[in-house]
Protein backbone atom coordinates (compact mmCIF):
# COMPACT_ATOMS: atom_id res chain seq x y z
CA MET A 1 99.15 140.22 54.18
CA LYS A 2 96.01 142.36 54.03
CA ARG A 3 94.22 139.52 52.25
CA LEU A 4 95.19 137.07 55.05
CA LEU A 5 93.85 139.38 57.75
CA THR A 6 90.61 139.78 55.83
CA LEU A 7 90.26 136.01 55.57
CA ILE A 8 90.86 135.53 59.30
CA LYS A 9 88.32 138.25 60.12
CA LYS A 10 85.76 136.59 57.87
CA ASN A 11 86.30 133.20 59.55
CA PHE A 12 85.87 134.71 63.02
CA LYS A 13 82.57 136.25 61.94
CA LEU A 14 81.37 132.86 60.69
CA ILE A 15 82.37 131.17 63.95
CA LEU A 16 80.67 133.79 66.11
CA ARG A 17 77.42 133.45 64.15
CA SER A 18 77.17 129.81 65.27
CA LYS A 19 76.93 129.46 69.05
CA SER A 20 77.80 125.77 68.98
CA SER A 21 80.98 126.46 67.02
CA ALA A 22 81.97 129.23 69.42
CA ILE A 23 81.40 126.96 72.42
CA MET A 24 83.48 124.20 70.82
CA ILE A 25 86.32 126.60 70.04
CA ILE A 26 86.40 127.91 73.61
CA LEU A 27 85.56 124.80 75.63
CA GLY A 28 87.26 122.21 73.41
CA PRO A 29 90.87 123.01 74.38
CA LEU A 30 89.83 123.53 78.01
CA LEU A 31 88.15 120.11 78.12
CA LEU A 32 91.20 118.53 76.48
CA ILE A 33 93.50 120.07 79.10
CA ILE A 34 91.29 118.77 81.92
CA LEU A 35 91.23 115.25 80.46
CA MET A 36 95.00 115.21 79.93
CA GLY A 37 95.54 116.48 83.46
CA ALA A 38 93.32 113.74 84.88
CA ALA A 39 95.12 111.07 82.86
CA PHE A 40 98.57 112.12 84.03
CA ASN A 41 97.70 113.44 87.45
CA THR A 42 100.19 112.23 90.07
CA ALA A 43 99.14 114.54 92.89
CA SER A 44 96.92 111.98 94.58
CA VAL A 45 97.29 108.24 95.15
CA TYR A 46 93.87 107.77 96.70
CA GLY A 47 92.06 104.75 95.29
CA ILE A 48 95.00 103.18 93.46
CA ARG A 49 94.59 99.41 93.72
CA VAL A 50 97.82 97.44 94.01
CA GLY A 51 97.90 93.66 93.74
CA VAL A 52 100.85 92.08 95.56
CA HIS A 53 102.31 88.60 95.51
CA SER A 54 105.32 86.80 96.96
CA GLU A 55 106.21 83.16 97.41
CA GLU A 56 107.13 84.00 100.98
CA TYR A 57 106.43 87.39 102.54
CA SER A 58 109.39 88.63 104.57
CA PRO A 59 108.99 91.15 107.42
CA LEU A 60 110.31 93.83 105.04
CA ALA A 61 107.72 92.96 102.38
CA GLU A 62 104.95 93.05 104.99
CA ALA A 63 106.22 96.42 106.23
CA ILE A 64 106.23 97.83 102.67
CA ILE A 65 102.67 96.63 102.07
CA TYR A 66 101.61 98.19 105.38
CA GLU A 67 103.22 101.50 104.40
CA LEU A 68 101.47 101.45 101.02
CA ASN A 69 98.16 101.07 102.84
CA GLN A 70 99.12 103.96 105.11
CA ASP A 71 99.79 106.06 101.98
CA ASP A 72 96.16 105.51 100.85
CA TYR A 73 96.95 102.74 98.37
CA SER A 74 94.55 99.81 98.38
CA THR A 75 96.64 96.62 98.43
CA GLN A 76 95.45 93.06 98.04
CA LYS A 77 97.48 89.86 98.28
CA VAL A 78 96.91 87.35 95.49
CA ASP A 79 97.76 83.67 95.31
CA SER A 80 99.99 83.70 92.24
CA GLU A 81 101.99 85.99 89.98
CA GLN A 82 99.76 85.13 87.02
CA ALA A 83 96.63 86.02 88.99
CA CYS A 84 98.20 89.37 89.86
CA ILE A 85 99.05 90.10 86.21
CA SER A 86 95.57 89.03 85.11
CA GLY A 87 94.14 91.41 87.69
CA VAL A 88 95.88 94.30 85.92
CA LYS A 89 94.67 93.14 82.50
CA ASN A 90 91.09 92.83 83.76
CA GLY A 91 91.10 96.19 85.51
CA ILE A 92 90.94 94.73 89.02
CA PHE A 93 94.30 96.30 89.92
CA HIS A 94 96.02 99.39 88.61
CA VAL A 95 99.44 97.96 89.50
CA CYS A 96 100.78 94.49 90.25
CA ALA A 97 103.88 94.23 92.49
CA ILE A 98 105.79 90.95 92.75
CA PHE A 99 108.05 90.76 95.81
CA PRO A 100 111.02 88.35 95.81
CA LYS A 101 111.08 85.53 98.32
CA ASN A 102 112.40 86.62 101.75
CA LEU A 103 113.10 90.21 100.70
CA LYS A 104 115.73 91.81 102.96
CA VAL A 105 117.55 95.14 102.93
CA THR A 106 120.92 93.45 103.47
CA GLN A 107 120.47 90.92 100.67
CA GLY A 108 118.73 93.15 98.13
CA GLY A 109 116.27 91.94 95.52
CA ASN A 110 114.12 93.21 92.65
CA ILE A 111 110.46 94.12 93.04
CA VAL A 112 108.79 93.56 89.65
CA PHE A 113 105.89 95.80 88.62
CA TYR A 114 103.19 95.15 86.03
CA VAL A 115 100.96 98.00 84.92
CA ASP A 116 98.57 98.93 82.15
CA ASN A 117 100.40 100.89 79.43
CA SER A 118 97.95 103.76 79.83
CA LYS A 119 98.83 104.12 83.53
CA THR A 120 102.62 103.91 83.51
CA ASN A 121 102.77 107.11 85.59
CA LEU A 122 101.40 105.12 88.54
CA ILE A 123 104.63 103.11 88.67
CA TYR A 124 106.54 106.23 89.70
CA LEU A 125 104.14 106.86 92.58
CA VAL A 126 104.36 103.30 93.90
CA THR A 127 108.14 103.00 93.48
CA GLU A 128 108.64 106.37 95.19
CA SER A 129 106.66 105.21 98.22
CA ILE A 130 108.53 101.89 98.33
CA SER A 131 111.94 103.52 97.84
CA THR A 132 111.22 105.96 100.66
CA HIS A 133 110.27 103.13 103.00
CA ILE A 134 113.25 100.94 102.03
CA GLY A 135 115.55 103.93 102.47
CA LYS A 136 114.15 104.45 105.97
CA LYS A 137 114.62 100.74 106.73
CA SER A 138 118.22 100.92 105.48
CA GLN A 139 118.87 103.93 107.69
CA ASP A 140 117.34 102.19 110.70
CA LEU A 141 119.42 99.08 109.98
CA SER A 142 122.59 101.15 109.68
CA LEU A 143 121.84 102.81 113.00
CA GLN A 144 121.23 99.42 114.62
CA LEU A 145 124.48 98.01 113.21
CA THR A 146 126.41 101.10 114.29
CA LYS A 147 124.91 100.91 117.78
CA GLY A 148 125.76 97.20 117.93
CA ILE A 149 129.37 97.90 116.96
CA VAL A 150 129.64 100.72 119.49
CA ASP A 151 128.14 98.54 122.23
CA THR A 152 130.58 95.74 121.38
CA LEU A 153 133.54 98.11 121.46
CA GLU A 154 132.39 99.51 124.80
CA TYR A 155 132.04 95.96 126.16
CA ILE A 156 135.54 95.06 124.92
CA GLU A 157 136.91 98.26 126.46
CA GLU A 158 135.27 97.41 129.79
CA GLU A 159 136.63 93.86 129.62
CA ILE A 160 140.12 95.15 128.85
CA THR A 161 139.88 97.62 131.74
CA ASP A 162 138.75 94.84 134.09
CA LYS A 163 141.57 92.58 132.88
CA GLU A 164 144.09 95.38 133.36
CA LEU A 165 142.88 95.87 136.93
CA LEU A 166 143.18 92.13 137.55
CA LEU A 167 146.66 92.03 136.02
CA ASN A 168 147.70 95.00 138.14
CA GLN A 169 146.38 93.24 141.25
CA LEU A 170 148.24 90.04 140.35
CA LYS A 171 151.38 92.05 139.63
CA THR A 172 151.09 93.80 142.98
CA GLN A 173 150.57 90.48 144.77
CA ALA A 174 153.53 88.98 142.92
CA GLU A 175 155.72 91.92 143.89
CA GLU A 176 154.58 91.62 147.50
CA GLY A 177 155.27 87.88 147.43
CA GLU A 178 158.68 88.47 145.92
CA ALA A 179 159.47 91.04 148.60
CA THR A 180 158.37 88.59 151.30
CA ILE A 181 160.56 85.83 149.85
CA THR A 182 163.50 88.22 149.66
CA LEU A 183 162.96 89.24 153.28
CA ILE A 184 162.79 85.63 154.46
CA SER A 185 165.85 84.79 152.42
CA ASN A 186 167.77 87.64 154.02
CA ASP A 187 166.67 86.53 157.49
CA LEU A 188 167.83 83.00 156.79
CA THR A 189 171.13 84.30 155.53
CA ASP A 190 171.66 86.29 158.72
CA MET A 191 170.97 83.28 160.92
CA ASN A 192 174.03 81.25 162.00
CA LEU A 193 173.10 77.64 161.29
CA LEU A 194 176.65 76.25 161.60
CA HIS A 195 177.57 74.78 164.99
CA GLU A 196 180.56 72.96 166.25
CA LYS A 197 179.95 69.55 167.76
CA SER A 198 181.14 70.82 171.06
CA ASP A 199 178.42 73.42 171.09
CA ILE A 200 175.68 70.81 170.97
CA PRO A 201 174.75 69.55 174.42
CA LEU A 202 174.80 65.76 174.48
CA GLY A 203 172.74 65.42 177.65
């Protein structure tokens, strides 16, 4: 044990004699940490270039692209899926996103991402932004559907109420008509319509 400590002490003395070695020992790990942090940094999305393509951009796809731009992504539409993938390979884009034709919340669909293997962490940033926006759209759609159902039920309730009032009016009129007929019938019954021939003046 004593021999090991002596050896370590001797090595430290050798390192400290050379300034370049001392600097490398101290700054080397620090520089490595900084580089690793920069490579896997997900705190900022500023400057991330996203190529997007779809055979037919739906309103939802356009809204997602708009939201990505609002989140400081730099998006660019490309003419074909292959051009989008080539853009990633050539360093033009960090990420390529392929939207399905006529993407809708109600119908679902898969958004396909292509990314350089060294920047796979960017996928999580982009998908998080998209998932947040789609979740908001789903919530808005649910609220719209719920409001539509409530409005329809209220309309049906109003219609039923109106029909009940009409039926009550018709019922009241029918009862009044029936009472009138009964009254007339009673009056006719009380009238003496039978006469002897002798009672009829012959002129």
